[in-house]
């Protein structure tokens, strides 16, 4: 038992984390868009830097990779998040 190789749980951990992260991001971006989605200068001043941080901070990459998820709920949340970003 000392030399036994334990099965990897990396795929399970990523799927578990994505199951919480995708809906959270969708909710946060939906709220941001609802509050600041109008075409005023003040709203652009708030929305622009936040979306820039999302795009450059790795969240965009995570969302694009999550589009391939087997879970329809995760894909729906990811598509909603991407619709706010794009």
C-alpha atoms as a PDB file:
ATOM      1  CA  UNK A   1       0.000   0.000   0.000  1.00  0.00           C
ATOM      2  CA  UNK A   2       3.001   2.308   0.466  1.00  0.00           C
ATOM      3  CA  UNK A   3       3.830   2.328  -3.244  1.00  0.00           C
ATOM      4  CA  UNK A   4       0.214   2.392  -4.456  1.00  0.00           C
ATOM      5  CA  UNK A   5      -0.656   5.156  -6.862  1.00  0.00           C
ATOM      6  CA  UNK A   6      -3.736   7.095  -5.868  1.00  0.00           C
ATOM      7  CA  UNK A   7      -6.213   7.942  -8.638  1.00  0.00           C
ATOM      8  CA  UNK A   8      -6.092  11.516  -9.847  1.00  0.00           C
ATOM      9  CA  UNK A   9      -8.949  13.791  -8.837  1.00  0.00           C
ATOM     10  CA  UNK A  10      -7.789  16.762 -10.930  1.00  0.00           C
ATOM     11  CA  UNK A  11     -10.660  16.507 -13.433  1.00  0.00           C
ATOM     12  CA  UNK A  12     -13.190  16.167 -10.641  1.00  0.00           C
ATOM     13  CA  UNK A  13     -11.848  19.186  -8.773  1.00  0.00           C
ATOM     14  CA  UNK A  14     -11.934  21.362 -11.890  1.00  0.00           C
ATOM     15  CA  UNK A  15     -15.475  20.321 -12.701  1.00  0.00           C
ATOM     16  CA  UNK A  16     -16.567  20.919  -9.120  1.00  0.00           C
ATOM     17  CA  UNK A  17     -14.976  24.369  -9.019  1.00  0.00           C
ATOM     18  CA  UNK A  18     -16.388  25.320 -12.406  1.00  0.00           C
ATOM     19  CA  UNK A  19     -19.846  24.309 -11.230  1.00  0.00           C
ATOM     20  CA  UNK A  20     -19.696  27.116  -8.687  1.00  0.00           C
ATOM     21  CA  UNK A  21     -17.521  29.568 -10.561  1.00  0.00           C
ATOM     22  CA  UNK A  22     -19.511  29.753 -13.827  1.00  0.00           C
ATOM     23  CA  UNK A  23     -22.850  30.676 -12.181  1.00  0.00           C
ATOM     24  CA  UNK A  24     -21.056  33.123  -9.856  1.00  0.00           C
ATOM     25  CA  UNK A  25     -19.374  34.900 -12.765  1.00  0.00           C
ATOM     26  CA  UNK A  26     -22.624  34.981 -14.725  1.00  0.00           C
ATOM     27  CA  UNK A  27     -24.436  36.542 -11.766  1.00  0.00           C
ATOM     28  CA  UNK A  28     -21.725  39.119 -11.137  1.00  0.00           C
ATOM     29  CA  UNK A  29     -21.484  40.131 -14.795  1.00  0.00           C
ATOM     30  CA  UNK A  30     -25.284  40.205 -15.154  1.00  0.00           C
ATOM     31  CA  UNK A  31     -25.510  42.510 -12.132  1.00  0.00           C
ATOM     32  CA  UNK A  32     -22.712  44.715 -13.435  1.00  0.00           C
ATOM     33  CA  UNK A  33     -24.411  45.013 -16.819  1.00  0.00           C
ATOM     34  CA  UNK A  34     -27.800  45.754 -15.255  1.00  0.00           C
ATOM     35  CA  UNK A  35     -26.324  48.531 -13.125  1.00  0.00           C
ATOM     36  CA  UNK A  36     -23.904  50.046 -15.645  1.00  0.00           C
ATOM     37  CA  UNK A  37     -24.951  48.866 -19.108  1.00  0.00           C
ATOM     38  CA  UNK A  38     -26.353  52.191 -20.271  1.00  0.00           C
ATOM     39  CA  UNK A  39     -24.497  54.371 -22.749  1.00  0.00           C
ATOM     40  CA  UNK A  40     -23.418  57.175 -20.399  1.00  0.00           C
ATOM     41  CA  UNK A  41     -19.841  58.278 -19.788  1.00  0.00           C
ATOM     42  CA  UNK A  42     -20.040  57.373 -16.094  1.00  0.00           C
ATOM     43  CA  UNK A  43     -21.167  53.846 -16.895  1.00  0.00           C
ATOM     44  CA  UNK A  44     -18.466  53.418 -19.524  1.00  0.00           C
ATOM     45  CA  UNK A  45     -15.900  54.583 -16.972  1.00  0.00           C
ATOM     46  CA  UNK A  46     -16.976  51.804 -14.616  1.00  0.00           C
ATOM     47  CA  UNK A  47     -17.754  49.027 -17.080  1.00  0.00           C
ATOM     48  CA  UNK A  48     -14.638  49.431 -19.247  1.00  0.00           C
ATOM     49  CA  UNK A  49     -11.986  48.785 -16.590  1.00  0.00           C
ATOM     50  CA  UNK A  50     -13.929  45.877 -15.088  1.00  0.00           C
ATOM     51  CA  UNK A  51     -14.358  44.152 -18.442  1.00  0.00           C
ATOM     52  CA  UNK A  52     -10.701  44.827 -19.238  1.00  0.00           C
ATOM     53  CA  UNK A  53      -9.698  43.123 -15.982  1.00  0.00           C
ATOM     54  CA  UNK A  54     -11.960  40.175 -16.783  1.00  0.00           C
ATOM     55  CA  UNK A  55     -10.462  39.822 -20.252  1.00  0.00           C
ATOM     56  CA  UNK A  56      -6.838  40.142 -19.140  1.00  0.00           C
ATOM     57  CA  UNK A  57      -7.076  38.341 -15.798  1.00  0.00           C
ATOM     58  CA  UNK A  58      -7.688  34.835 -17.096  1.00  0.00           C
ATOM     59  CA  UNK A  59     -11.456  34.838 -16.628  1.00  0.00           C
ATOM     60  CA  UNK A  60     -12.047  35.113 -20.363  1.00  0.00           C
ATOM     61  CA  UNK A  61      -9.830  32.082 -20.991  1.00  0.00           C
ATOM     62  CA  UNK A  62     -11.631  30.123 -18.286  1.00  0.00           C
ATOM     63  CA  UNK A  63     -15.015  30.998 -19.796  1.00  0.00           C
ATOM     64  CA  UNK A  64     -13.900  29.994 -23.285  1.00  0.00           C
ATOM     65  CA  UNK A  65     -12.594  26.670 -22.012  1.00  0.00           C
ATOM     66  CA  UNK A  66     -15.789  26.099 -20.023  1.00  0.00           C
ATOM     67  CA  UNK A  67     -17.825  26.294 -23.245  1.00  0.00           C
ATOM     68  CA  UNK A  68     -16.785  22.671 -23.771  1.00  0.00           C
ATOM     69  CA  UNK A  69     -18.287  21.531 -20.456  1.00  0.00           C
ATOM     70  CA  UNK A  70     -20.578  18.508 -20.491  1.00  0.00           C
ATOM     71  CA  UNK A  71     -22.973  20.256 -18.099  1.00  0.00           C
ATOM     72  CA  UNK A  72     -25.692  22.275 -19.853  1.00  0.00           C
ATOM     73  CA  UNK A  73     -26.137  24.621 -16.869  1.00  0.00           C
ATOM     74  CA  UNK A  74     -22.453  25.506 -16.818  1.00  0.00           C
ATOM     75  CA  UNK A  75     -22.493  26.127 -20.577  1.00  0.00           C
ATOM     76  CA  UNK A  76     -25.562  28.365 -20.240  1.00  0.00           C
ATOM     77  CA  UNK A  77     -23.875  30.419 -17.497  1.00  0.00           C
ATOM     78  CA  UNK A  78     -20.709  30.682 -19.545  1.00  0.00           C
ATOM     79  CA  UNK A  79     -22.616  31.822 -22.637  1.00  0.00           C
ATOM     80  CA  UNK A  80     -24.431  34.438 -20.568  1.00  0.00           C
ATOM     81  CA  UNK A  81     -21.124  35.690 -19.146  1.00  0.00           C
ATOM     82  CA  UNK A  82     -19.558  35.850 -22.595  1.00  0.00           C
ATOM     83  CA  UNK A  83     -22.551  37.792 -23.938  1.00  0.00           C
ATOM     84  CA  UNK A  84     -21.878  40.520 -21.357  1.00  0.00           C
ATOM     85  CA  UNK A  85     -18.158  40.615 -22.110  1.00  0.00           C
ATOM     86  CA  UNK A  86     -18.552  40.683 -25.870  1.00  0.00           C
END
